[in-house]
Amino acid sequence: MTELTLAELAEQTGVPERTIRYYIARGLLPPPLRAGRAACYGPEHRQALERIRRLQAKGLTLAEIARRLAGEAPRDGLPKPSPWWSYPVAEDVVVWVRADAAPWRLKQVREALLDLAARLRTNQQEDENDLDAGD
């Protein structure tokens, strides 16, 4: 079995040491194989970090990831309520976005909405110009 230091694990996975410690504190990762200055990590830590990153890339929150890693099955009955933000991108267009999405995902959505709003404004101005030219 290959044992890694915290620094080696961070380097190999691209996850900062501080984040790894945070995941351990939240229960997303098991504690090191040995504690203290001689702390070491095994293949299960690397695999768990890779799985966390895959789930984050799908837009799951850390709370959702913790439930999945713990093996919780989806809950029966009503789904858990989630907060939503509405973005009016034009006079007649409103887009709803889950507010609890990952920050990187919200940034992507915001950029796309700014682009959409600009295109809708351009199209509306062109339509208005066409109507004015027809008079």
Protein backbone atom coordinates (compact mmCIF):
# COMPACT_ATOMS: atom_id res chain seq x y z
CA MET A 1 0.00 0.00 0.00
CA THR A 2 1.33 3.43 -0.91
CA GLU A 3 1.11 5.96 1.87
CA LEU A 4 1.10 9.66 1.09
CA THR A 5 1.72 12.74 3.18
CA LEU A 6 -0.91 15.47 3.17
CA ALA A 7 1.24 17.54 0.81
CA GLU A 8 1.63 14.60 -1.60
CA LEU A 9 -2.10 13.86 -1.53
CA ALA A 10 -2.86 17.52 -2.23
CA GLU A 11 -0.38 17.64 -5.09
CA GLN A 12 -1.61 14.42 -6.71
CA THR A 13 -5.30 15.33 -6.49
CA GLY A 14 -5.11 19.09 -7.01
CA VAL A 15 -7.11 19.63 -3.82
CA PRO A 16 -5.50 22.11 -1.39
CA GLU A 17 -4.31 20.77 1.98
CA ARG A 18 -6.69 23.09 3.80
CA THR A 19 -9.64 21.71 1.80
CA ILE A 20 -8.62 18.13 2.57
CA ARG A 21 -8.56 18.95 6.29
CA TYR A 22 -11.98 20.60 5.94
CA TYR A 23 -13.40 17.51 4.21
CA ILE A 24 -12.08 15.33 7.02
CA ALA A 25 -13.66 17.63 9.63
CA ARG A 26 -17.00 17.48 7.76
CA GLY A 27 -16.84 13.70 7.51
CA LEU A 28 -16.49 13.61 3.72
CA LEU A 29 -13.10 11.93 4.03
CA PRO A 30 -11.93 9.40 6.60
CA PRO A 31 -9.25 10.54 9.03
CA PRO A 32 -5.61 9.86 8.13
CA LEU A 33 -4.25 6.36 8.58
CA ARG A 34 -1.93 7.71 11.28
CA ALA A 35 -2.49 10.93 13.18
CA GLY A 36 -0.15 13.72 14.20
CA ARG A 37 3.08 14.70 12.47
CA ALA A 38 3.33 11.25 10.87
CA ALA A 39 -0.15 11.49 9.35
CA CYS A 40 -0.46 9.55 6.14
CA TYR A 41 -3.15 8.88 3.60
CA GLY A 42 -3.91 5.88 1.42
CA PRO A 43 -5.56 5.10 -1.91
CA GLU A 44 -9.04 5.34 -0.34
CA HIS A 45 -8.40 9.03 0.41
CA ARG A 46 -7.36 9.73 -3.17
CA GLN A 47 -10.39 7.84 -4.54
CA ALA A 48 -12.76 9.71 -2.21
CA LEU A 49 -11.29 13.08 -3.26
CA GLU A 50 -11.70 12.17 -6.92
CA ARG A 51 -15.32 11.16 -6.31
CA ILE A 52 -16.00 14.42 -4.43
CA ARG A 53 -14.60 16.41 -7.35
CA ARG A 54 -16.74 14.47 -9.87
CA LEU A 55 -19.87 15.10 -7.81
CA GLN A 56 -19.01 18.79 -7.42
CA ALA A 57 -18.56 19.01 -11.19
CA LYS A 58 -22.15 17.78 -11.49
CA GLY A 59 -23.24 20.71 -9.32
CA LEU A 60 -23.88 18.86 -6.06
CA THR A 61 -23.40 20.71 -2.80
CA LEU A 62 -21.15 19.34 -0.05
CA ALA A 63 -24.24 18.37 1.96
CA GLU A 64 -25.57 16.35 -1.00
CA ILE A 65 -22.16 14.78 -1.51
CA ALA A 66 -21.95 13.82 2.18
CA ARG A 67 -25.31 12.05 1.91
CA ARG A 68 -24.20 10.17 -1.21
CA LEU A 69 -20.88 9.16 0.34
CA ALA A 70 -22.73 7.94 3.44
CA GLY A 71 -24.84 5.75 1.17
CA GLU A 72 -28.14 7.47 1.89
CA ALA A 73 -30.79 6.57 -0.63
CA PRO A 74 -32.89 9.32 -2.15
CA ARG A 75 -35.67 10.23 0.23
CA ASP A 76 -39.22 9.14 -0.46
CA GLY A 77 -42.08 11.58 -0.51
CA LEU A 78 -41.65 15.22 -1.30
CA PRO A 79 -38.26 16.41 -2.39
CA LYS A 80 -36.38 18.77 -0.11
CA PRO A 81 -37.35 22.37 -0.92
CA SER A 82 -34.65 24.40 -2.60
CA PRO A 83 -34.22 28.15 -2.95
CA TRP A 84 -34.44 29.68 -6.41
CA TRP A 85 -33.41 33.06 -7.81
CA SER A 86 -35.26 34.71 -10.64
CA TYR A 87 -33.42 36.76 -13.24
CA PRO A 88 -35.53 38.99 -15.50
CA VAL A 89 -33.35 39.04 -18.63
CA ALA A 90 -35.89 40.88 -20.79
CA GLU A 91 -39.25 42.54 -20.39
CA ASP A 92 -41.01 39.26 -21.19
CA VAL A 93 -38.39 36.70 -20.14
CA VAL A 94 -37.57 35.48 -16.63
CA VAL A 95 -35.06 32.70 -15.91
CA TRP A 96 -35.14 30.75 -12.62
CA VAL A 97 -31.90 29.35 -11.20
CA ARG A 98 -31.31 27.19 -8.11
CA ALA A 99 -29.67 29.42 -5.52
CA ASP A 100 -27.85 26.54 -3.84
CA ALA A 101 -25.83 25.56 -6.91
CA ALA A 102 -22.07 25.52 -6.68
CA PRO A 103 -20.48 28.99 -6.86
CA TRP A 104 -18.58 28.17 -10.04
CA ARG A 105 -21.85 27.03 -11.63
CA LEU A 106 -23.66 30.22 -10.59
CA LYS A 107 -20.85 32.22 -12.20
CA GLN A 108 -21.31 30.29 -15.46
CA VAL A 109 -25.07 30.84 -15.34
CA ARG A 110 -24.65 34.56 -14.67
CA GLU A 111 -22.31 34.94 -17.67
CA ALA A 112 -24.76 33.05 -19.90
CA LEU A 113 -27.67 35.19 -18.68
CA LEU A 114 -25.74 38.41 -19.36
CA ASP A 115 -25.09 37.16 -22.90
CA LEU A 116 -28.74 36.17 -23.35
CA ALA A 117 -29.98 39.53 -22.07
CA ALA A 118 -27.65 41.38 -24.48
CA ARG A 119 -28.83 39.29 -27.45
CA LEU A 120 -32.49 39.81 -26.53
CA ARG A 121 -31.94 43.60 -26.30
CA THR A 122 -30.24 43.60 -29.71
CA ASN A 123 -33.07 41.59 -31.27
CA GLN A 124 -35.69 43.88 -29.72
CA GLN A 125 -33.91 46.99 -31.01
CA GLU A 126 -33.67 45.49 -34.50
CA ASP A 127 -37.40 44.66 -34.43
CA GLU A 128 -38.24 48.21 -33.33
CA ASN A 129 -36.05 49.66 -36.10
CA ASP A 130 -37.78 47.46 -38.68
CA LEU A 131 -41.18 48.69 -37.46
CA ASP A 132 -40.05 52.33 -37.61
CA ALA A 133 -38.68 51.84 -41.16
CA GLY A 134 -42.03 50.40 -42.27
CA ASP A 135 -43.94 53.61 -41.40
